[in-house]
C-alpha atoms as a PDB file:
ATOM      1  CA  MET A   1      88.310 115.017 124.495  1.00  0.00           C
ATOM      2  CA  SER A   2      90.298 111.845 123.877  1.00  0.00           C
ATOM      3  CA  LYS A   3      92.331 112.083 120.670  1.00  0.00           C
ATOM      4  CA  VAL A   4      93.743 109.222 118.650  1.00  0.00           C
ATOM      5  CA  ILE A   5      96.013 109.259 115.599  1.00  0.00           C
ATOM      6  CA  ILE A   6      95.120 106.884 112.770  1.00  0.00           C
ATOM      7  CA  THR A   7      97.560 106.338 109.915  1.00  0.00           C
ATOM      8  CA  VAL A   8      96.799 104.443 106.728  1.00  0.00           C
ATOM      9  CA  LEU A   9      99.410 103.336 104.200  1.00  0.00           C
ATOM     10  CA  GLY A  10      99.240 101.174 101.114  1.00  0.00           C
ATOM     11  CA  LYS A  11      98.586 100.943  97.402  1.00  0.00           C
ATOM     12  CA  ASP A  12      96.012 103.463  96.246  1.00  0.00           C
ATOM     13  CA  SER A  13      92.538 102.213  95.378  1.00  0.00           C
ATOM     14  CA  VAL A  14      89.027 103.573  95.159  1.00  0.00           C
ATOM     15  CA  GLY A  15      87.154 104.011  98.449  1.00  0.00           C
ATOM     16  CA  ILE A  16      89.931 103.910 101.056  1.00  0.00           C
ATOM     17  CA  ILE A  17      88.807 107.069 102.842  1.00  0.00           C
ATOM     18  CA  ALA A  18      85.153 106.045 102.600  1.00  0.00           C
ATOM     19  CA  LYS A  19      85.805 102.611 104.139  1.00  0.00           C
ATOM     20  CA  VAL A  20      87.751 104.004 107.079  1.00  0.00           C
ATOM     21  CA  CYS A  21      85.347 106.898 107.699  1.00  0.00           C
ATOM     22  CA  THR A  22      82.277 104.662 107.415  1.00  0.00           C
ATOM     23  CA  HIS A  23      83.571 102.509 110.273  1.00  0.00           C
ATOM     24  CA  LEU A  24      84.447 105.561 112.375  1.00  0.00           C
ATOM     25  CA  ALA A  25      81.023 107.158 111.851  1.00  0.00           C
ATOM     26  CA  ALA A  26      79.249 103.923 112.779  1.00  0.00           C
ATOM     27  CA  GLU A  27      81.153 103.908 116.071  1.00  0.00           C
ATOM     28  CA  ARG A  28      80.441 107.614 116.797  1.00  0.00           C
ATOM     29  CA  ILE A  29      84.098 108.580 116.330  1.00  0.00           C
ATOM     30  CA  ASN A  30      84.516 112.161 115.139  1.00  0.00           C
ATOM     31  CA  VAL A  31      87.184 113.058 112.581  1.00  0.00           C
ATOM     32  CA  LEU A  32      88.862 116.264 113.776  1.00  0.00           C
ATOM     33  CA  ASP A  33      91.536 116.550 111.091  1.00  0.00           C
ATOM     34  CA  ILE A  34      92.541 114.550 108.052  1.00  0.00           C
ATOM     35  CA  ASN A  35      95.397 114.748 105.597  1.00  0.00           C
ATOM     36  CA  GLN A  36      95.958 112.388 102.708  1.00  0.00           C
ATOM     37  CA  THR A  37      98.383 112.218  99.855  1.00  0.00           C
ATOM     38  CA  ILE A  38      99.177 109.929  96.972  1.00  0.00           C
ATOM     39  CA  VAL A  39     102.752 109.540  95.768  1.00  0.00           C
ATOM     40  CA  GLN A  40     102.795 107.600  92.512  1.00  0.00           C
ATOM     41  CA  ASP A  41     100.554 104.628  93.411  1.00  0.00           C
ATOM     42  CA  TYR A  42     100.997 104.823  97.179  1.00  0.00           C
ATOM     43  CA  PHE A  43      98.320 106.218  99.470  1.00  0.00           C
ATOM     44  CA  HIS A  44      99.071 107.763 102.873  1.00  0.00           C
ATOM     45  CA  MET A  45      96.517 109.242 105.245  1.00  0.00           C
ATOM     46  CA  MET A  46      96.820 110.625 108.744  1.00  0.00           C
ATOM     47  CA  MET A  47      93.722 111.358 110.805  1.00  0.00           C
ATOM     48  CA  ILE A  48      93.195 112.869 114.213  1.00  0.00           C
ATOM     49  CA  VAL A  49      89.957 111.591 115.699  1.00  0.00           C
ATOM     50  CA  ASP A  50      88.025 112.088 118.925  1.00  0.00           C
ATOM     51  CA  ILE A  51      86.982 108.818 120.559  1.00  0.00           C
ATOM     52  CA  SER A  52      85.197 110.406 123.556  1.00  0.00           C
ATOM     53  CA  ALA A  53      81.750 109.288 122.374  1.00  0.00           C
ATOM     54  CA  ALA A  54      82.933 106.048 120.752  1.00  0.00           C
ATOM     55  CA  GLU A  55      80.805 102.942 120.929  1.00  0.00           C
ATOM     56  CA  GLU A  56      83.927 100.743 121.033  1.00  0.00           C
ATOM     57  CA  SER A  57      87.027 100.783 123.211  1.00  0.00           C
ATOM     58  CA  LEU A  58      90.433 101.845 121.912  1.00  0.00           C
ATOM     59  CA  GLU A  59      91.461  98.191 121.781  1.00  0.00           C
ATOM     60  CA  GLU A  60      88.369  97.280 119.766  1.00  0.00           C
ATOM     61  CA  LEU A  61      89.004 100.208 117.409  1.00  0.00           C
ATOM     62  CA  THR A  62      92.620  99.109 116.946  1.00  0.00           C
ATOM     63  CA  ASP A  63      91.552  95.535 116.175  1.00  0.00           C
ATOM     64  CA  ALA A  64      88.793  96.668 113.796  1.00  0.00           C
ATOM     65  CA  MET A  65      91.140  98.989 111.900  1.00  0.00           C
ATOM     66  CA  GLN A  66      93.799  96.274 111.596  1.00  0.00           C
ATOM     67  CA  LYS A  67      91.181  93.841 110.302  1.00  0.00           C
ATOM     68  CA  LEU A  68      89.870  96.410 107.816  1.00  0.00           C
ATOM     69  CA  GLY A  69      93.429  97.061 106.657  1.00  0.00           C
ATOM     70  CA  GLU A  70      94.048  93.358 106.094  1.00  0.00           C
ATOM     71  CA  GLU A  71      90.809  93.028 104.121  1.00  0.00           C
ATOM     72  CA  VAL A  72      91.718  95.833 101.700  1.00  0.00           C
ATOM     73  CA  GLY A  73      95.505  95.438 101.611  1.00  0.00           C
ATOM     74  CA  LEU A  74      96.461  98.434 103.766  1.00  0.00           C
ATOM     75  CA  ARG A  75      98.424  99.000 106.939  1.00  0.00           C
ATOM     76  CA  ILE A  76      96.244 100.889 109.438  1.00  0.00           C
ATOM     77  CA  HIS A  77      97.782 101.941 112.736  1.00  0.00           C
ATOM     78  CA  VAL A  78      95.903 103.428 115.701  1.00  0.00           C
ATOM     79  CA  GLN A  79      97.724 105.251 118.492  1.00  0.00           C
ATOM     80  CA  ARG A  80      96.795 107.502 121.390  1.00  0.00           C
ATOM     81  CA  GLU A  81      97.780 111.128 120.789  1.00  0.00           C
ATOM     82  CA  GLU A  82      99.944 111.242 123.940  1.00  0.00           C
ATOM     83  CA  ILE A  83     101.991 108.251 122.824  1.00  0.00           C
ATOM     84  CA  PHE A  84     102.362 109.629 119.307  1.00  0.00           C
ATOM     85  CA  GLU A  85     103.609 112.967 120.659  1.00  0.00           C
ATOM     86  CA  ALA A  86     106.010 111.321 123.114  1.00  0.00           C
ATOM     87  CA  MET A  87     107.522 109.195 120.338  1.00  0.00           C
ATOM     88  CA  HIS A  88     108.166 112.257 118.148  1.00  0.00           C
ATOM     89  CA  ARG A  89     109.763 114.554 120.733  1.00  0.00           C
ATOM     90  CA  ILE A  90     113.428 115.312 120.376  1.00  0.00           C
END
């Protein structure tokens, strides 16, 4: 299994989760865990996904998520699980 962390941050609007998950499903990327919250008008979501069966490379996924974020006014960041864990160790 090859896990990736996807974070989404921005102003809340209808369909954010659907837009992100629609792209992931089309690329055969499985959502393993998801957590989202809204604080006042700000949306934050963190997803752990499995890209083992993905149709696109990690670089293509990163580019596609950044483009999607720009289109809908969000910041979407994609990072390998190992890098995420290394950055958050004390």
